[in-house]
C-alpha atoms as a PDB file:
ATOM      1  CA  MET A   1      24.825   4.833  11.512  1.00  0.00           C
ATOM      2  CA  GLU A   2      27.598   7.415  11.644  1.00  0.00           C
ATOM      3  CA  SER A   3      28.503   9.000  14.965  1.00  0.00           C
ATOM      4  CA  GLY A   4      27.701  12.612  15.659  1.00  0.00           C
ATOM      5  CA  GLY A   5      31.340  13.539  16.203  1.00  0.00           C
ATOM      6  CA  SER A   6      32.384  12.548  12.687  1.00  0.00           C
ATOM      7  CA  LEU A   7      30.139  14.741  10.557  1.00  0.00           C
ATOM      8  CA  LEU A   8      28.034  17.034  12.683  1.00  0.00           C
ATOM      9  CA  GLY A   9      30.916  17.811  15.009  1.00  0.00           C
ATOM     10  CA  ALA A  10      33.212  18.622  12.097  1.00  0.00           C
ATOM     11  CA  ALA A  11      30.569  20.863  10.595  1.00  0.00           C
ATOM     12  CA  SER A  12      30.083  22.751  13.855  1.00  0.00           C
ATOM     13  CA  ARG A  13      33.807  23.268  14.315  1.00  0.00           C
ATOM     14  CA  GLY A  14      34.227  24.379  10.718  1.00  0.00           C
ATOM     15  CA  HIS A  15      31.360  26.885  10.788  1.00  0.00           C
ATOM     16  CA  GLY A  16      32.422  28.102  14.209  1.00  0.00           C
ATOM     17  CA  ARG A  17      35.955  28.887  12.975  1.00  0.00           C
ATOM     18  CA  PHE A  18      34.481  30.688   9.968  1.00  0.00           C
ATOM     19  CA  ILE A  19      32.335  32.970  12.118  1.00  0.00           C
ATOM     20  CA  TRP A  20      35.123  33.509  14.628  1.00  0.00           C
ATOM     21  CA  ASN A  21      37.584  34.506  11.887  1.00  0.00           C
ATOM     22  CA  ALA A  22      34.983  36.806  10.369  1.00  0.00           C
ATOM     23  CA  ALA A  23      34.578  38.453  13.760  1.00  0.00           C
ATOM     24  CA  PHE A  24      38.306  39.164  14.068  1.00  0.00           C
ATOM     25  CA  ASP A  25      38.415  40.509  10.514  1.00  0.00           C
ATOM     26  CA  GLN A  26      35.937  43.179  11.598  1.00  0.00           C
ATOM     27  CA  ARG A  27      37.875  44.604  14.547  1.00  0.00           C
ATOM     28  CA  GLY A  28      36.871  47.669  16.417  1.00  0.00           C
ATOM     29  CA  ALA A  29      39.026  50.668  17.103  1.00  0.00           C
ATOM     30  CA  LYS A  30      40.816  48.906  20.022  1.00  0.00           C
ATOM     31  CA  GLY A  31      41.548  45.684  18.100  1.00  0.00           C
ATOM     32  CA  ARG A  32      38.670  43.706  19.606  1.00  0.00           C
ATOM     33  CA  PRO A  33      35.881  42.013  17.637  1.00  0.00           C
ATOM     34  CA  TYR A  34      32.546  43.723  17.575  1.00  0.00           C
ATOM     35  CA  PRO A  35      30.378  42.517  20.501  1.00  0.00           C
ATOM     36  CA  LYS A  36      27.464  41.565  18.218  1.00  0.00           C
ATOM     37  CA  VAL A  37      29.575  39.298  16.021  1.00  0.00           C
ATOM     38  CA  HIS A  38      31.256  37.825  19.091  1.00  0.00           C
ATOM     39  CA  ARG A  39      27.898  36.892  20.611  1.00  0.00           C
ATOM     40  CA  MET A  40      26.762  35.409  17.308  1.00  0.00           C
ATOM     41  CA  ALA A  41      29.825  33.167  17.180  1.00  0.00           C
ATOM     42  CA  ARG A  42      29.285  31.942  20.731  1.00  0.00           C
ATOM     43  CA  GLY A  43      25.572  31.387  20.106  1.00  0.00           C
ATOM     44  CA  PHE A  44      26.301  29.371  16.997  1.00  0.00           C
ATOM     45  CA  GLY A  45      28.731  27.193  18.923  1.00  0.00           C
ATOM     46  CA  ARG A  46      26.131  26.444  21.611  1.00  0.00           C
ATOM     47  CA  LEU A  47      23.508  25.670  18.960  1.00  0.00           C
ATOM     48  CA  MET A  48      25.769  23.212  17.150  1.00  0.00           C
ATOM     49  CA  ALA A  49      26.717  21.556  20.437  1.00  0.00           C
ATOM     50  CA  ARG A  50      23.035  20.922  21.153  1.00  0.00           C
ATOM     51  CA  ALA A  51      22.489  19.656  17.610  1.00  0.00           C
ATOM     52  CA  GLU A  52      25.390  17.255  18.026  1.00  0.00           C
ATOM     53  CA  ALA A  53      23.948  15.973  21.306  1.00  0.00           C
ATOM     54  CA  LEU A  54      20.564  15.473  19.633  1.00  0.00           C
ATOM     55  CA  TYR A  55      22.233  13.570  16.804  1.00  0.00           C
ATOM     56  CA  ASP A  56      23.937  11.262  19.292  1.00  0.00           C
ATOM     57  CA  ASP A  57      20.572  10.663  20.995  1.00  0.00           C
ATOM     58  CA  CYS A  58      19.047   9.694  17.635  1.00  0.00           C
ATOM     59  CA  VAL A  59      21.891   7.252  16.968  1.00  0.00           C
ATOM     60  CA  ALA A  60      21.392   5.673  20.386  1.00  0.00           C
ATOM     61  CA  TRP A  61      17.619   5.451  19.868  1.00  0.00           C
ATOM     62  CA  TYR A  62      18.034   3.729  16.502  1.00  0.00           C
ATOM     63  CA  SER A  63      20.502   1.267  17.971  1.00  0.00           C
ATOM     64  CA  ASP A  64      18.140   0.410  20.822  1.00  0.00           C
ATOM     65  CA  ALA A  65      15.105   0.132  18.496  1.00  0.00           C
ATOM     66  CA  THR A  66      16.804  -2.203  16.028  1.00  0.00           C
ATOM     67  CA  THR A  67      18.111  -4.320  18.911  1.00  0.00           C
ATOM     68  CA  ARG A  68      14.715  -4.658  20.558  1.00  0.00           C
ATOM     69  CA  PHE A  69      12.716  -5.102  17.335  1.00  0.00           C
ATOM     70  CA  ARG A  70      14.483  -7.588  15.116  1.00  0.00           C
ATOM     71  CA  GLU A  71      14.378  -7.600  11.342  1.00  0.00           C
ATOM     72  CA  GLY A  72      11.288  -9.378  10.044  1.00  0.00           C
ATOM     73  CA  THR A  73       8.931  -8.033  12.716  1.00  0.00           C
ATOM     74  CA  PRO A  74       6.428  -5.286  11.790  1.00  0.00           C
ATOM     75  CA  GLN A  75       8.047  -2.791  14.170  1.00  0.00           C
ATOM     76  CA  GLY A  76      11.578  -3.666  13.109  1.00  0.00           C
ATOM     77  CA  ASP A  77      10.812  -3.421   9.393  1.00  0.00           C
ATOM     78  CA  LEU A  78       9.024  -0.093   9.913  1.00  0.00           C
ATOM     79  CA  VAL A  79      12.013   1.424  11.736  1.00  0.00           C
ATOM     80  CA  ARG A  80      14.539   0.147   9.190  1.00  0.00           C
ATOM     81  CA  SER A  81      12.516   1.297   6.158  1.00  0.00           C
ATOM     82  CA  THR A  82      11.595   4.807   7.343  1.00  0.00           C
ATOM     83  CA  VAL A  83      14.493   6.051   9.495  1.00  0.00           C
ATOM     84  CA  PRO A  84      17.497   7.229   7.427  1.00  0.00           C
ATOM     85  CA  THR A  85      20.840   5.909   8.620  1.00  0.00           C
ATOM     86  CA  THR A  86      23.132   7.964   6.393  1.00  0.00           C
ATOM     87  CA  THR A  87      23.747  11.611   5.659  1.00  0.00           C
ATOM     88  CA  SER A  88      23.493  10.898   1.929  1.00  0.00           C
ATOM     89  CA  PRO A  89      20.280  12.411   0.531  1.00  0.00           C
ATOM     90  CA  THR A  90      17.542   9.937  -0.377  1.00  0.00           C
ATOM     91  CA  ASP A  91      16.471  10.022  -4.009  1.00  0.00           C
ATOM     92  CA  ALA A  92      13.002  11.318  -4.723  1.00  0.00           C
ATOM     93  CA  VAL A  93      10.313   8.751  -5.506  1.00  0.00           C
ATOM     94  CA  GLY A  94       9.262   8.381  -9.120  1.00  0.00           C
ATOM     95  CA  GLN A  95       5.739   8.020 -10.419  1.00  0.00           C
ATOM     96  CA  ALA A  96       4.069   4.742  -9.536  1.00  0.00           C
ATOM     97  CA  VAL A  97       3.149   2.427 -12.402  1.00  0.00           C
ATOM     98  CA  ILE A  98       0.481  -0.296 -12.187  1.00  0.00           C
ATOM     99  CA  SER A  99       1.035  -3.261 -14.496  1.00  0.00           C
ATOM    100  CA  HIS A 100       0.183  -6.921 -15.131  1.00  0.00           C
ATOM    101  CA  VAL A 101      -3.516  -6.527 -14.391  1.00  0.00           C
ATOM    102  CA  MET A 102      -5.264  -9.912 -14.435  1.00  0.00           C
ATOM    103  CA  VAL A 103      -8.945 -10.675 -13.902  1.00  0.00           C
ATOM    104  CA  THR A 104     -10.085 -14.253 -13.301  1.00  0.00           C
ATOM    105  CA  GLY A 105     -13.581 -14.963 -12.073  1.00  0.00           C
ATOM    106  CA  GLY A 106     -14.024 -12.887  -8.938  1.00  0.00           C
ATOM    107  CA  THR A 107     -10.281 -12.237  -8.492  1.00  0.00           C
ATOM    108  CA  ILE A 108      -8.345  -9.109  -9.565  1.00  0.00           C
ATOM    109  CA  HIS A 109      -4.540  -8.974  -9.405  1.00  0.00           C
ATOM    110  CA  PHE A 110      -2.004  -6.300 -10.360  1.00  0.00           C
ATOM    111  CA  ASP A 111       1.616  -5.328  -9.706  1.00  0.00           C
ATOM    112  CA  CYS A 112       3.067  -1.911  -8.887  1.00  0.00           C
ATOM    113  CA  ALA A 113       6.515  -0.296  -9.074  1.00  0.00           C
ATOM    114  CA  ALA A 114       8.052   3.144  -8.506  1.00  0.00           C
ATOM    115  CA  SER A 115      11.713   4.112  -8.552  1.00  0.00           C
ATOM    116  CA  HIS A 116      13.267   4.604  -5.076  1.00  0.00           C
ATOM    117  CA  ALA A 117       9.965   3.756  -3.330  1.00  0.00           C
ATOM    118  CA  THR A 118      10.023   1.679  -0.152  1.00  0.00           C
ATOM    119  CA  GLN A 119       6.272   1.795   0.572  1.00  0.00           C
ATOM    120  CA  PHE A 120       3.051   2.059  -1.407  1.00  0.00           C
ATOM    121  CA  THR A 121      -0.501   3.277  -0.832  1.00  0.00           C
ATOM    122  CA  TYR A 122      -3.213   1.756  -3.038  1.00  0.00           C
ATOM    123  CA  LEU A 123      -6.550   3.402  -3.871  1.00  0.00           C
ATOM    124  CA  HIS A 124      -9.648   1.643  -5.196  1.00  0.00           C
ATOM    125  CA  LYS A 125     -12.921   2.870  -6.676  1.00  0.00           C
ATOM    126  CA  ALA A 126     -15.480   0.077  -6.829  1.00  0.00           C
ATOM    127  CA  PRO A 127     -18.310  -0.126  -9.389  1.00  0.00           C
ATOM    128  CA  GLY A 128     -20.975   2.462  -8.618  1.00  0.00           C
ATOM    129  CA  SER A 129     -18.735   4.339  -6.155  1.00  0.00           C
ATOM    130  CA  MET A 130     -18.223   8.106  -6.537  1.00  0.00           C
ATOM    131  CA  GLN A 131     -14.720   8.335  -5.073  1.00  0.00           C
ATOM    132  CA  PHE A 132     -11.535   6.411  -4.369  1.00  0.00           C
ATOM    133  CA  VAL A 133     -10.962   4.828  -0.978  1.00  0.00           C
ATOM    134  CA  VAL A 134      -7.700   3.627   0.554  1.00  0.00           C
ATOM    135  CA  LEU A 135      -7.231  -0.059  -0.106  1.00  0.00           C
ATOM    136  CA  LEU A 136      -3.803  -0.434   1.555  1.00  0.00           C
ATOM    137  CA  ALA A 137      -1.715   2.307   3.178  1.00  0.00           C
ATOM    138  CA  ASP A 138       2.078   2.485   3.616  1.00  0.00           C
ATOM    139  CA  THR A 139       2.704  -1.141   2.767  1.00  0.00           C
ATOM    140  CA  ALA A 140       5.850  -2.690   1.355  1.00  0.00           C
ATOM    141  CA  GLU A 141       3.793  -5.011  -0.866  1.00  0.00           C
ATOM    142  CA  THR A 142       4.370  -4.490  -4.596  1.00  0.00           C
ATOM    143  CA  SER A 143       1.366  -6.546  -5.710  1.00  0.00           C
ATOM    144  CA  VAL A 144      -2.313  -6.662  -4.765  1.00  0.00           C
ATOM    145  CA  THR A 145      -4.807  -9.504  -5.077  1.00  0.00           C
ATOM    146  CA  LEU A 146      -8.525  -8.966  -4.427  1.00  0.00           C
ATOM    147  CA  GLN A 147     -11.017 -11.798  -4.266  1.00  0.00           C
ATOM    148  CA  GLY A 148     -14.790 -11.956  -4.403  1.00  0.00           C
ATOM    149  CA  GLN A 149     -15.138  -8.706  -6.334  1.00  0.00           C
ATOM    150  CA  PRO A 150     -18.504  -7.703  -7.846  1.00  0.00           C
ATOM    151  CA  ASN A 151     -19.163  -7.263 -11.544  1.00  0.00           C
ATOM    152  CA  GLY A 152     -18.416  -3.920 -13.115  1.00  0.00           C
ATOM    153  CA  GLU A 153     -15.622  -1.427 -13.687  1.00  0.00           C
ATOM    154  CA  HIS A 154     -12.934  -1.248 -10.991  1.00  0.00           C
ATOM    155  CA  ARG A 155     -10.438   1.655 -10.921  1.00  0.00           C
ATOM    156  CA  PHE A 156      -7.079   1.625  -9.130  1.00  0.00           C
ATOM    157  CA  LYS A 157      -4.339   4.154  -8.338  1.00  0.00           C
ATOM    158  CA  ALA A 158      -1.057   3.849  -6.418  1.00  0.00           C
ATOM    159  CA  ILE A 159       1.384   6.216  -4.687  1.00  0.00           C
ATOM    160  CA  GLY A 160       4.978   5.362  -3.794  1.00  0.00           C
ATOM    161  CA  SER A 161       6.895   6.860  -0.866  1.00  0.00           C
ATOM    162  CA  ASN A 162      10.165   6.735   1.082  1.00  0.00           C
ATOM    163  CA  SER A 163      11.795   8.714   3.883  1.00  0.00           C
ATOM    164  CA  GLN A 164      12.140  11.682   1.508  1.00  0.00           C
ATOM    165  CA  GLY A 165       8.399  11.909   0.860  1.00  0.00           C
ATOM    166  CA  THR A 166       5.777  10.715  -1.604  1.00  0.00           C
ATOM    167  CA  GLY A 167       6.005  10.532  -5.361  1.00  0.00           C
ATOM    168  CA  PRO A 168       3.419  11.292  -8.047  1.00  0.00           C
ATOM    169  CA  GLU A 169       0.401   9.035  -8.048  1.00  0.00           C
ATOM    170  CA  SER A 170      -0.035   6.587 -10.886  1.00  0.00           C
ATOM    171  CA  ASP A 171      -2.438   6.931 -13.761  1.00  0.00           C
ATOM    172  CA  GLU A 172      -5.849   5.374 -13.226  1.00  0.00           C
ATOM    173  CA  THR A 173      -5.985   1.711 -14.150  1.00  0.00           C
ATOM    174  CA  VAL A 174      -9.369   0.372 -15.192  1.00  0.00           C
ATOM    175  CA  SER A 175     -10.278  -3.278 -14.771  1.00  0.00           C
ATOM    176  CA  SER A 176     -13.572  -4.483 -16.249  1.00  0.00           C
ATOM    177  CA  HIS A 177     -14.728  -7.449 -14.235  1.00  0.00           C
ATOM    178  CA  LEU A 178     -17.525  -9.635 -15.601  1.00  0.00           C
ATOM    179  CA  ARG A 179     -18.525 -13.059 -14.347  1.00  0.00           C
ATOM    180  CA  ARG A 180     -19.950 -15.717 -16.623  1.00  0.00           C
ATOM    181  CA  ARG A 181     -23.700 -15.715 -16.536  1.00  0.00           C
ATOM    182  CA  ARG A 182     -25.612 -18.871 -15.790  1.00  0.00           C
ATOM    183  CA  ARG A 183     -27.532 -20.401 -18.695  1.00  0.00           C
ATOM    184  CA  ARG A 184     -31.192 -19.681 -18.782  1.00  0.00           C
ATOM    185  CA  GLU A 185     -33.748 -22.456 -18.690  1.00  0.00           C
ATOM    186  CA  TRP A 186     -36.632 -22.384 -21.118  1.00  0.00           C
ATOM    187  CA  SER A 187     -39.868 -24.228 -21.600  1.00  0.00           C
ATOM    188  CA  LEU A 188     -41.702 -25.136 -24.782  1.00  0.00           C
ATOM    189  CA  PRO A 189     -45.435 -24.655 -25.061  1.00  0.00           C
ATOM    190  CA  HIS A 190     -46.864 -27.869 -26.410  1.00  0.00           C
ATOM    191  CA  SER A 191     -49.471 -30.484 -25.979  1.00  0.00           C
ATOM    192  CA  LYS A 192     -49.131 -34.193 -26.306  1.00  0.00           C
ATOM    193  CA  ALA A 193     -51.608 -34.114 -29.130  1.00  0.00           C
ATOM    194  CA  GLY A 194     -49.781 -31.414 -31.052  1.00  0.00           C
ATOM    195  CA  CYS A 195     -46.118 -31.873 -30.285  1.00  0.00           C
ATOM    196  CA  TRP A 196     -43.878 -30.175 -32.910  1.00  0.00           C
ATOM    197  CA  GLN A 197     -41.986 -33.433 -33.334  1.00  0.00           C
ATOM    198  CA  SER A 198     -45.118 -35.544 -33.743  1.00  0.00           C
ATOM    199  CA  THR A 199     -44.733 -35.640 -37.523  1.00  0.00           C
ATOM    200  CA  ARG A 200     -41.551 -37.654 -37.011  1.00  0.00           C
ATOM    201  CA  GLN A 201     -43.303 -39.950 -34.552  1.00  0.00           C
ATOM    202  CA  THR A 202     -40.783 -39.003 -31.875  1.00  0.00           C
ATOM    203  CA  LYS A 203     -41.690 -37.454 -28.622  1.00  0.00           C
ATOM    204  CA  HIS A 204     -40.151 -34.214 -27.355  1.00  0.00           C
ATOM    205  CA  PRO A 205     -38.278 -34.822 -24.065  1.00  0.00           C
ATOM    206  CA  ALA A 206     -40.591 -32.378 -22.344  1.00  0.00           C
ATOM    207  CA  CYS A 207     -43.651 -34.380 -23.349  1.00  0.00           C
ATOM    208  CA  ASP A 208     -42.781 -37.129 -20.913  1.00  0.00           C
ATOM    209  CA  SER A 209     -41.217 -35.000 -18.182  1.00  0.00           C
ATOM    210  CA  SER A 210     -41.513 -31.569 -16.657  1.00  0.00           C
ATOM    211  CA  GLN A 211     -41.636 -29.656 -19.981  1.00  0.00           C
ATOM    212  CA  THR A 212     -38.365 -27.877 -19.203  1.00  0.00           C
ATOM    213  CA  GLY A 213     -35.009 -28.100 -20.879  1.00  0.00           C
ATOM    214  CA  ARG A 214     -31.625 -26.330 -21.053  1.00  0.00           C
ATOM    215  CA  GLY A 215     -30.673 -23.752 -23.658  1.00  0.00           C
ATOM    216  CA  ASP A 216     -27.802 -25.818 -24.996  1.00  0.00           C
ATOM    217  CA  GLU A 217     -29.842 -29.000 -25.675  1.00  0.00           C
ATOM    218  CA  ASP A 218     -30.464 -30.057 -29.303  1.00  0.00           C
END
């Protein structure tokens, strides 16, 4: 992280000289700068001095925070991903895109990406629901896996963000989730005297048992 004296201090000195020179260019009748411009120049100098002190405090705070909370911890990763450490402007976040949607049994999986995004918020509308709810908020995860989901139509949206702000939300992604239905059991009405297979002199399996069978039996 750059020190306050390198950039902010140079800016304050540069702007201060500009205002001071402008004040002397507008001299009064006795060769002195106008009092109003003189006060403005001094006020600007005090303001920039306070801004420089605040910048130095921020640098010291970031140094202490990253020393106390190491990389890989939730607090450390949050500080490093959200606090800018350069004067270079952060690029705006692009629109989030959900891709690679896979549905297997009761599991739904998808990936998400957005240019210049460091965090994502995922929204989910379950079958029968009237509105989206937050599934995950401000997470660095770029993929989501849900298990034990009910049958029906699931809708998802995502929003990327960084220290500059949030980007446009993604288009709605629809995932139709259907589990395999269990086979139905059926029973055949019959009597031992009038079994439909009696003409072949073979007994139906149900004639000697519980009269039930499975739908895929021959």
